[in-house]
Amino acid sequence: MGLSWMAWTAPTAAFFICIVLAISLMGFLEWRNPGGEPRRGILTLDTTRGDRLFISILGSAFIHLGWLGLMGTPLWGAVIISVVYTYCVFRWV
């Protein structure tokens, strides 16, 4: 049984590689410099680095889905918005 039914394309592979790298980087940072106390952000939620990574990934998925629904392809605009969104989440949430 092969993986041909999954329609692996270069962008799909890049997406999953980026997710694995982000989680690996977060694990390394936690090992190297433990997060310690959760941080209270603008939403008055106590979040750790892992929480903010999860919020960023989930929000970026919705940004991309919204972009596809409203604008179609290419997705470079959604990527730029997602990077700004992720920065804002890690900075202020």
PDB file of N, CA and C in Angstrom:
ATOM      1  N   MET A   1       0.846  -1.179   0.000  1.00  0.00           N
ATOM      2  CA  MET A   1       0.000   0.000   0.000  1.00  0.00           C
ATOM      3  C   MET A   1       0.891   1.242   0.000  1.00  0.00           C
ATOM      4  N   GLY A   2       0.800   2.017  -1.029  1.00  0.00           N
ATOM      5  CA  GLY A   2       1.629   3.207  -1.154  1.00  0.00           C
ATOM      6  C   GLY A   2       0.928   4.449  -0.633  1.00  0.00           C
ATOM      7  N   LEU A   3       1.595   5.552  -0.810  1.00  0.00           N
ATOM      8  CA  LEU A   3       1.049   6.838  -0.370  1.00  0.00           C
ATOM      9  C   LEU A   3       0.500   7.653  -1.530  1.00  0.00           C
ATOM     10  N   SER A   4       0.272   7.037  -2.673  1.00  0.00           N
ATOM     11  CA  SER A   4      -0.184   7.786  -3.839  1.00  0.00           C
ATOM     12  C   SER A   4      -1.580   8.369  -3.650  1.00  0.00           C
ATOM     13  N   TRP A   5      -2.404   7.744  -2.828  1.00  0.00           N
ATOM     14  CA  TRP A   5      -3.757   8.242  -2.601  1.00  0.00           C
ATOM     15  C   TRP A   5      -3.765   9.550  -1.814  1.00  0.00           C
ATOM     16  N   MET A   6      -2.636   9.905  -1.183  1.00  0.00           N
ATOM     17  CA  MET A   6      -2.584  11.108  -0.367  1.00  0.00           C
ATOM     18  C   MET A   6      -2.235  12.355  -1.166  1.00  0.00           C
ATOM     19  N   ALA A   7      -1.900  12.191  -2.433  1.00  0.00           N
ATOM     20  CA  ALA A   7      -1.563  13.323  -3.304  1.00  0.00           C
ATOM     21  C   ALA A   7      -0.470  14.198  -2.701  1.00  0.00           C
ATOM     22  N   TRP A   8       0.644  13.596  -2.352  1.00  0.00           N
ATOM     23  CA  TRP A   8       1.760  14.351  -1.808  1.00  0.00           C
ATOM     24  C   TRP A   8       2.346  15.227  -2.906  1.00  0.00           C
ATOM     25  N   THR A   9       2.307  16.505  -2.674  1.00  0.00           N
ATOM     26  CA  THR A   9       2.925  17.467  -3.583  1.00  0.00           C
ATOM     27  C   THR A   9       4.039  18.171  -2.809  1.00  0.00           C
ATOM     28  N   ALA A  10       4.826  18.943  -3.513  1.00  0.00           N
ATOM     29  CA  ALA A  10       5.914  19.666  -2.844  1.00  0.00           C
ATOM     30  C   ALA A  10       5.381  20.622  -1.774  1.00  0.00           C
ATOM     31  N   PRO A  11       4.310  21.402  -2.032  1.00  0.00           N
ATOM     32  CA  PRO A  11       3.800  22.273  -0.968  1.00  0.00           C
ATOM     33  C   PRO A  11       3.262  21.491   0.232  1.00  0.00           C
ATOM     34  N   THR A  12       2.636  20.350  -0.014  1.00  0.00           N
ATOM     35  CA  THR A  12       2.135  19.539   1.092  1.00  0.00           C
ATOM     36  C   THR A  12       3.287  19.020   1.941  1.00  0.00           C
ATOM     37  N   ALA A  13       4.316  18.524   1.295  1.00  0.00           N
ATOM     38  CA  ALA A  13       5.488  18.037   2.018  1.00  0.00           C
ATOM     39  C   ALA A  13       6.155  19.178   2.784  1.00  0.00           C
ATOM     40  N   ALA A  14       6.260  20.346   2.170  1.00  0.00           N
ATOM     41  CA  ALA A  14       6.873  21.498   2.843  1.00  0.00           C
ATOM     42  C   ALA A  14       6.072  21.901   4.073  1.00  0.00           C
ATOM     43  N   PHE A  15       4.741  21.850   3.962  1.00  0.00           N
ATOM     44  CA  PHE A  15       3.884  22.181   5.099  1.00  0.00           C
ATOM     45  C   PHE A  15       4.161  21.254   6.275  1.00  0.00           C
ATOM     46  N   PHE A  16       4.152  19.950   6.031  1.00  0.00           N
ATOM     47  CA  PHE A  16       4.380  19.009   7.121  1.00  0.00           C
ATOM     48  C   PHE A  16       5.809  19.073   7.653  1.00  0.00           C
ATOM     49  N   ILE A  17       6.761  19.343   6.802  1.00  0.00           N
ATOM     50  CA  ILE A  17       8.144  19.517   7.269  1.00  0.00           C
ATOM     51  C   ILE A  17       8.237  20.735   8.177  1.00  0.00           C
ATOM     52  N   CYS A  18       7.558  21.822   7.822  1.00  0.00           N
ATOM     53  CA  CYS A  18       7.567  23.029   8.665  1.00  0.00           C
ATOM     54  C   CYS A  18       6.914  22.770  10.018  1.00  0.00           C
ATOM     55  N   ILE A  19       5.829  22.002  10.044  1.00  0.00           N
ATOM     56  CA  ILE A  19       5.166  21.674  11.305  1.00  0.00           C
ATOM     57  C   ILE A  19       6.105  20.848  12.183  1.00  0.00           C
ATOM     58  N   VAL A  20       6.754  19.844  11.597  1.00  0.00           N
ATOM     59  CA  VAL A  20       7.686  19.010  12.363  1.00  0.00           C
ATOM     60  C   VAL A  20       8.856  19.843  12.875  1.00  0.00           C
ATOM     61  N   LEU A  21       9.374  20.734  12.040  1.00  0.00           N
ATOM     62  CA  LEU A  21      10.486  21.589  12.467  1.00  0.00           C
ATOM     63  C   LEU A  21      10.070  22.534  13.587  1.00  0.00           C
ATOM     64  N   ALA A  22       8.860  23.093  13.504  1.00  0.00           N
ATOM     65  CA  ALA A  22       8.386  24.004  14.552  1.00  0.00           C
ATOM     66  C   ALA A  22       8.237  23.273  15.884  1.00  0.00           C
ATOM     67  N   ILE A  23       7.668  22.083  15.851  1.00  0.00           N
ATOM     68  CA  ILE A  23       7.502  21.314  17.082  1.00  0.00           C
ATOM     69  C   ILE A  23       8.863  20.880  17.626  1.00  0.00           C
ATOM     70  N   SER A  24       9.773  20.487  16.734  1.00  0.00           N
ATOM     71  CA  SER A  24      11.120  20.105  17.174  1.00  0.00           C
ATOM     72  C   SER A  24      11.860  21.297  17.778  1.00  0.00           C
ATOM     73  N   LEU A  25      11.757  22.451  17.142  1.00  0.00           N
ATOM     74  CA  LEU A  25      12.395  23.657  17.673  1.00  0.00           C
ATOM     75  C   LEU A  25      11.817  24.010  19.042  1.00  0.00           C
ATOM     76  N   MET A  26      10.499  23.891  19.186  1.00  0.00           N
ATOM     77  CA  MET A  26       9.874  24.202  20.466  1.00  0.00           C
ATOM     78  C   MET A  26      10.350  23.219  21.545  1.00  0.00           C
ATOM     79  N   GLY A  27      10.482  21.946  21.193  1.00  0.00           N
ATOM     80  CA  GLY A  27      11.000  20.960  22.142  1.00  0.00           C
ATOM     81  C   GLY A  27      12.439  21.265  22.540  1.00  0.00           C
ATOM     82  N   PHE A  28      13.269  21.631  21.561  1.00  0.00           N
ATOM     83  CA  PHE A  28      14.653  21.976  21.851  1.00  0.00           C
ATOM     84  C   PHE A  28      14.733  23.206  22.754  1.00  0.00           C
ATOM     85  N   LEU A  29      13.939  24.237  22.450  1.00  0.00           N
ATOM     86  CA  LEU A  29      13.949  25.443  23.279  1.00  0.00           C
ATOM     87  C   LEU A  29      13.492  25.149  24.702  1.00  0.00           C
ATOM     88  N   GLU A  30      12.508  24.277  24.830  1.00  0.00           N
ATOM     89  CA  GLU A  30      12.030  23.921  26.169  1.00  0.00           C
ATOM     90  C   GLU A  30      13.096  23.136  26.931  1.00  0.00           C
ATOM     91  N   TRP A  31      13.814  22.274  26.229  1.00  0.00           N
ATOM     92  CA  TRP A  31      14.893  21.506  26.861  1.00  0.00           C
ATOM     93  C   TRP A  31      16.050  22.433  27.246  1.00  0.00           C
ATOM     94  N   ARG A  32      16.387  23.350  26.351  1.00  0.00           N
ATOM     95  CA  ARG A  32      17.525  24.249  26.567  1.00  0.00           C
ATOM     96  C   ARG A  32      17.219  25.317  27.619  1.00  0.00           C
ATOM     97  N   ASN A  33      16.013  25.880  27.557  1.00  0.00           N
ATOM     98  CA  ASN A  33      15.626  26.958  28.463  1.00  0.00           C
ATOM     99  C   ASN A  33      14.169  26.728  28.868  1.00  0.00           C
ATOM    100  N   PRO A  34      13.933  25.980  29.936  1.00  0.00           N
ATOM    101  CA  PRO A  34      12.546  25.672  30.308  1.00  0.00           C
ATOM    102  C   PRO A  34      11.698  26.942  30.453  1.00  0.00           C
ATOM    103  N   GLY A  35      10.435  26.831  29.987  1.00  0.00           N
ATOM    104  CA  GLY A  35       9.533  27.979  29.936  1.00  0.00           C
ATOM    105  C   GLY A  35       9.190  28.565  31.291  1.00  0.00           C
ATOM    106  N   GLY A  36       9.161  27.719  32.316  1.00  0.00           N
ATOM    107  CA  GLY A  36       8.862  28.239  33.636  1.00  0.00           C
ATOM    108  C   GLY A  36       7.410  28.626  33.791  1.00  0.00           C
ATOM    109  N   GLU A  37       7.187  29.800  34.333  1.00  0.00           N
ATOM    110  CA  GLU A  37       5.838  30.285  34.604  1.00  0.00           C
ATOM    111  C   GLU A  37       5.098  30.623  33.310  1.00  0.00           C
ATOM    112  N   PRO A  38       3.811  30.290  33.249  1.00  0.00           N
ATOM    113  CA  PRO A  38       3.015  30.732  32.094  1.00  0.00           C
ATOM    114  C   PRO A  38       2.915  32.254  32.070  1.00  0.00           C
ATOM    115  N   ARG A  39       2.749  32.804  30.882  1.00  0.00           N
ATOM    116  CA  ARG A  39       2.681  34.244  30.696  1.00  0.00           C
ATOM    117  C   ARG A  39       1.230  34.657  30.451  1.00  0.00           C
ATOM    118  N   ARG A  40       0.811  35.731  31.087  1.00  0.00           N
ATOM    119  CA  ARG A  40      -0.551  36.253  30.888  1.00  0.00           C
ATOM    120  C   ARG A  40      -0.485  37.324  29.804  1.00  0.00           C
ATOM    121  N   GLY A  41      -1.251  37.101  28.739  1.00  0.00           N
ATOM    122  CA  GLY A  41      -1.196  38.009  27.605  1.00  0.00           C
ATOM    123  C   GLY A  41      -2.404  38.916  27.510  1.00  0.00           C
ATOM    124  N   ILE A  42      -2.593  39.457  26.316  1.00  0.00           N
ATOM    125  CA  ILE A  42      -3.644  40.433  26.082  1.00  0.00           C
ATOM    126  C   ILE A  42      -5.041  39.821  26.236  1.00  0.00           C
ATOM    127  N   LEU A  43      -5.168  38.523  26.000  1.00  0.00           N
ATOM    128  CA  LEU A  43      -6.464  37.855  26.142  1.00  0.00           C
ATOM    129  C   LEU A  43      -6.720  37.392  27.567  1.00  0.00           C
ATOM    130  N   THR A  44      -5.837  37.747  28.471  1.00  0.00           N
ATOM    131  CA  THR A  44      -5.867  37.352  29.897  1.00  0.00           C
ATOM    132  C   THR A  44      -5.875  35.841  30.064  1.00  0.00           C
ATOM    133  N   LEU A  45      -5.243  35.143  29.145  1.00  0.00           N
ATOM    134  CA  LEU A  45      -5.049  33.704  29.262  1.00  0.00           C
ATOM    135  C   LEU A  45      -3.623  33.439  29.716  1.00  0.00           C
ATOM    136  N   ASP A  46      -3.436  32.474  30.587  1.00  0.00           N
ATOM    137  CA  ASP A  46      -2.088  32.045  30.952  1.00  0.00           C
ATOM    138  C   ASP A  46      -1.630  31.032  29.917  1.00  0.00           C
ATOM    139  N   THR A  47      -0.611  31.393  29.140  1.00  0.00           N
ATOM    140  CA  THR A  47      -0.151  30.525  28.067  1.00  0.00           C
ATOM    141  C   THR A  47       1.340  30.260  28.187  1.00  0.00           C
ATOM    142  N   THR A  48       1.722  29.081  27.734  1.00  0.00           N
ATOM    143  CA  THR A  48       3.135  28.717  27.623  1.00  0.00           C
ATOM    144  C   THR A  48       3.531  28.811  26.150  1.00  0.00           C
ATOM    145  N   ARG A  49       4.804  28.552  25.866  1.00  0.00           N
ATOM    146  CA  ARG A  49       5.254  28.576  24.473  1.00  0.00           C
ATOM    147  C   ARG A  49       4.501  27.565  23.622  1.00  0.00           C
ATOM    148  N   GLY A  50       4.269  26.383  24.178  1.00  0.00           N
ATOM    149  CA  GLY A  50       3.545  25.347  23.441  1.00  0.00           C
ATOM    150  C   GLY A  50       2.111  25.756  23.145  1.00  0.00           C
ATOM    151  N   ASP A  51       1.468  26.415  24.100  1.00  0.00           N
ATOM    152  CA  ASP A  51       0.104  26.910  23.872  1.00  0.00           C
ATOM    153  C   ASP A  51       0.086  27.924  22.740  1.00  0.00           C
ATOM    154  N   ARG A  52       1.053  28.831  22.755  1.00  0.00           N
ATOM    155  CA  ARG A  52       1.103  29.853  21.717  1.00  0.00           C
ATOM    156  C   ARG A  52       1.411  29.239  20.352  1.00  0.00           C
ATOM    157  N   LEU A  53       2.244  28.192  20.318  1.00  0.00           N
ATOM    158  CA  LEU A  53       2.505  27.498  19.049  1.00  0.00           C
ATOM    159  C   LEU A  53       1.218  26.861  18.531  1.00  0.00           C
ATOM    160  N   PHE A  54       0.458  26.205  19.406  1.00  0.00           N
ATOM    161  CA  PHE A  54      -0.791  25.578  19.002  1.00  0.00           C
ATOM    162  C   PHE A  54      -1.780  26.626  18.491  1.00  0.00           C
ATOM    163  N   ILE A  55      -1.921  27.747  19.196  1.00  0.00           N
ATOM    164  CA  ILE A  55      -2.821  28.819  18.762  1.00  0.00           C
ATOM    165  C   ILE A  55      -2.376  29.357  17.402  1.00  0.00           C
ATOM    166  N   SER A  56      -1.075  29.482  17.193  1.00  0.00           N
ATOM    167  CA  SER A  56      -0.557  29.988  15.918  1.00  0.00           C
ATOM    168  C   SER A  56      -0.847  29.035  14.773  1.00  0.00           C
ATOM    169  N   ILE A  57      -0.620  27.739  14.990  1.00  0.00           N
ATOM    170  CA  ILE A  57      -0.859  26.753  13.931  1.00  0.00           C
ATOM    171  C   ILE A  57      -2.345  26.682  13.601  1.00  0.00           C
ATOM    172  N   LEU A  58      -3.185  26.663  14.623  1.00  0.00           N
ATOM    173  CA  LEU A  58      -4.623  26.593  14.398  1.00  0.00           C
ATOM    174  C   LEU A  58      -5.130  27.847  13.684  1.00  0.00           C
ATOM    175  N   GLY A  59      -4.695  29.010  14.140  1.00  0.00           N
ATOM    176  CA  GLY A  59      -5.103  30.256  13.494  1.00  0.00           C
ATOM    177  C   GLY A  59      -4.617  30.351  12.058  1.00  0.00           C
ATOM    178  N   SER A  60      -3.399  29.903  11.811  1.00  0.00           N
ATOM    179  CA  SER A  60      -2.862  29.937  10.450  1.00  0.00           C
ATOM    180  C   SER A  60      -3.649  29.018   9.521  1.00  0.00           C
ATOM    181  N   ALA A  61      -4.088  27.880  10.039  1.00  0.00           N
ATOM    182  CA  ALA A  61      -4.913  26.979   9.224  1.00  0.00           C
ATOM    183  C   ALA A  61      -6.212  27.664   8.823  1.00  0.00           C
ATOM    184  N   PHE A  62      -6.848  28.364   9.760  1.00  0.00           N
ATOM    185  CA  PHE A  62      -8.084  29.070   9.438  1.00  0.00           C
ATOM    186  C   PHE A  62      -7.840  30.239   8.491  1.00  0.00           C
ATOM    187  N   ILE A  63      -6.712  30.917   8.641  1.00  0.00           N
ATOM    188  CA  ILE A  63      -6.371  32.002   7.715  1.00  0.00           C
ATOM    189  C   ILE A  63      -6.235  31.451   6.303  1.00  0.00           C
ATOM    190  N   HIS A  64      -5.548  30.327   6.162  1.00  0.00           N
ATOM    191  CA  HIS A  64      -5.370  29.727   4.834  1.00  0.00           C
ATOM    192  C   HIS A  64      -6.693  29.236   4.253  1.00  0.00           C
ATOM    193  N   LEU A  65      -7.529  28.627   5.079  1.00  0.00           N
ATOM    194  CA  LEU A  65      -8.831  28.184   4.580  1.00  0.00           C
ATOM    195  C   LEU A  65      -9.686  29.369   4.139  1.00  0.00           C
ATOM    196  N   GLY A  66      -9.681  30.437   4.922  1.00  0.00           N
ATOM    197  CA  GLY A  66     -10.418  31.634   4.544  1.00  0.00           C
ATOM    198  C   GLY A  66      -9.898  32.233   3.245  1.00  0.00           C
ATOM    199  N   TRP A  67      -8.577  32.260   3.110  1.00  0.00           N
ATOM    200  CA  TRP A  67      -7.971  32.794   1.889  1.00  0.00           C
ATOM    201  C   TRP A  67      -8.379  31.962   0.681  1.00  0.00           C
ATOM    202  N   LEU A  68      -8.323  30.635   0.826  1.00  0.00           N
ATOM    203  CA  LEU A  68      -8.730  29.766  -0.283  1.00  0.00           C
ATOM    204  C   LEU A  68     -10.191  29.986  -0.651  1.00  0.00           C
ATOM    205  N   GLY A  69     -11.048  30.151   0.359  1.00  0.00           N
ATOM    206  CA  GLY A  69     -12.459  30.347   0.092  1.00  0.00           C
ATOM    207  C   GLY A  69     -12.772  31.677  -0.561  1.00  0.00           C
ATOM    208  N   LEU A  70     -12.033  32.718  -0.183  1.00  0.00           N
ATOM    209  CA  LEU A  70     -12.334  34.052  -0.692  1.00  0.00           C
ATOM    210  C   LEU A  70     -11.505  34.450  -1.914  1.00  0.00           C
ATOM    211  N   MET A  71     -10.225  34.076  -1.918  1.00  0.00           N
ATOM    212  CA  MET A  71      -9.313  34.565  -2.957  1.00  0.00           C
ATOM    213  C   MET A  71      -8.832  33.475  -3.906  1.00  0.00           C
ATOM    214  N   GLY A  72      -8.809  32.224  -3.451  1.00  0.00           N
ATOM    215  CA  GLY A  72      -8.259  31.146  -4.269  1.00  0.00           C
ATOM    216  C   GLY A  72      -6.745  31.078  -4.148  1.00  0.00           C
ATOM    217  N   THR A  73      -6.134  30.519  -5.156  1.00  0.00           N
ATOM    218  CA  THR A  73      -4.680  30.400  -5.147  1.00  0.00           C
ATOM    219  C   THR A  73      -4.087  31.560  -5.932  1.00  0.00           C
ATOM    220  N   PRO A  74      -2.846  31.917  -5.760  1.00  0.00           N
ATOM    221  CA  PRO A  74      -1.813  31.401  -4.868  1.00  0.00           C
ATOM    222  C   PRO A  74      -2.015  31.854  -3.428  1.00  0.00           C
ATOM    223  N   LEU A  75      -1.313  31.193  -2.531  1.00  0.00           N
ATOM    224  CA  LEU A  75      -1.516  31.410  -1.100  1.00  0.00           C
ATOM    225  C   LEU A  75      -0.470  32.313  -0.458  1.00  0.00           C
ATOM    226  N   TRP A  76       0.300  33.041  -1.243  1.00  0.00           N
ATOM    227  CA  TRP A  76       1.370  33.855  -0.658  1.00  0.00           C
ATOM    228  C   TRP A  76       0.818  34.925   0.271  1.00  0.00           C
ATOM    229  N   GLY A  77      -0.326  35.480  -0.036  1.00  0.00           N
ATOM    230  CA  GLY A  77      -0.937  36.470   0.848  1.00  0.00           C
ATOM    231  C   GLY A  77      -1.299  35.860   2.191  1.00  0.00           C
ATOM    232  N   ALA A  78      -1.833  34.642   2.165  1.00  0.00           N
ATOM    233  CA  ALA A  78      -2.181  33.948   3.411  1.00  0.00           C
ATOM    234  C   ALA A  78      -0.936  33.616   4.219  1.00  0.00           C
ATOM    235  N   VAL A  79       0.137  33.271   3.540  1.00  0.00           N
ATOM    236  CA  VAL A  79       1.393  32.975   4.239  1.00  0.00           C
ATOM    237  C   VAL A  79       1.895  34.226   4.958  1.00  0.00           C
ATOM    238  N   ILE A  80       1.853  35.363   4.289  1.00  0.00           N
ATOM    239  CA  ILE A  80       2.322  36.616   4.906  1.00  0.00           C
ATOM    240  C   ILE A  80       1.445  36.977   6.102  1.00  0.00           C
ATOM    241  N   ILE A  81       0.132  36.866   5.950  1.00  0.00           N
ATOM    242  CA  ILE A  81      -0.773  37.152   7.060  1.00  0.00           C
ATOM    243  C   ILE A  81      -0.527  36.196   8.220  1.00  0.00           C
ATOM    244  N   SER A  82      -0.268  34.923   7.916  1.00  0.00           N
ATOM    245  CA  SER A  82      -0.025  33.929   8.962  1.00  0.00           C
ATOM    246  C   SER A  82       1.264  34.201   9.725  1.00  0.00           C
ATOM    247  N   VAL A  83       2.292  34.640   9.021  1.00  0.00           N
ATOM    248  CA  VAL A  83       3.558  34.965   9.686  1.00  0.00           C
ATOM    249  C   VAL A  83       3.365  36.156  10.630  1.00  0.00           C
ATOM    250  N   VAL A  84       2.645  37.171  10.178  1.00  0.00           N
ATOM    251  CA  VAL A  84       2.363  38.330  11.033  1.00  0.00           C
ATOM    252  C   VAL A  84       1.511  37.905  12.222  1.00  0.00           C
ATOM    253  N   TYR A  85       0.506  37.067  11.974  1.00  0.00           N
ATOM    254  CA  TYR A  85      -0.370  36.559  13.038  1.00  0.00           C
ATOM    255  C   TYR A  85       0.449  35.773  14.074  1.00  0.00           C
ATOM    256  N   THR A  86       1.337  34.908  13.610  1.00  0.00           N
ATOM    257  CA  THR A  86       2.170  34.119  14.523  1.00  0.00           C
ATOM    258  C   THR A  86       3.067  35.021  15.356  1.00  0.00           C
ATOM    259  N   TYR A  87       3.658  36.022  14.734  1.00  0.00           N
ATOM    260  CA  TYR A  87       4.481  36.977  15.483  1.00  0.00           C
ATOM    261  C   TYR A  87       3.654  37.646  16.584  1.00  0.00           C
ATOM    262  N   CYS A  88       2.454  38.088  16.224  1.00  0.00           N
ATOM    263  CA  CYS A  88       1.592  38.767  17.201  1.00  0.00           C
ATOM    264  C   CYS A  88       1.194  37.830  18.338  1.00  0.00           C
ATOM    265  N   VAL A  89       0.909  36.567  18.016  1.00  0.00           N
ATOM    266  CA  VAL A  89       0.541  35.601  19.059  1.00  0.00           C
ATOM    267  C   VAL A  89       1.695  35.406  20.033  1.00  0.00           C
ATOM    268  N   PHE A  90       2.901  35.217  19.499  1.00  0.00           N
ATOM    269  CA  PHE A  90       4.047  34.985  20.394  1.00  0.00           C
ATOM    270  C   PHE A  90       4.449  36.247  21.142  1.00  0.00           C
ATOM    271  N   ARG A  91       4.129  37.383  20.603  1.00  0.00           N
ATOM    272  CA  ARG A  91       4.508  38.640  21.243  1.00  0.00           C
ATOM    273  C   ARG A  91       3.504  39.073  22.318  1.00  0.00           C
ATOM    274  N   TRP A  92       2.197  38.994  22.005  1.00  0.00           N
ATOM    275  CA  TRP A  92       1.212  39.590  22.901  1.00  0.00           C
ATOM    276  C   TRP A  92       0.194  38.645  23.514  1.00  0.00           C
ATOM    277  N   VAL A  93       0.086  37.421  23.073  1.00  0.00           N
ATOM    278  CA  VAL A  93      -0.949  36.534  23.646  1.00  0.00           C
ATOM    279  C   VAL A  93      -0.378  35.774  24.815  1.00  0.00           C
TER     280      VAL A  93
END
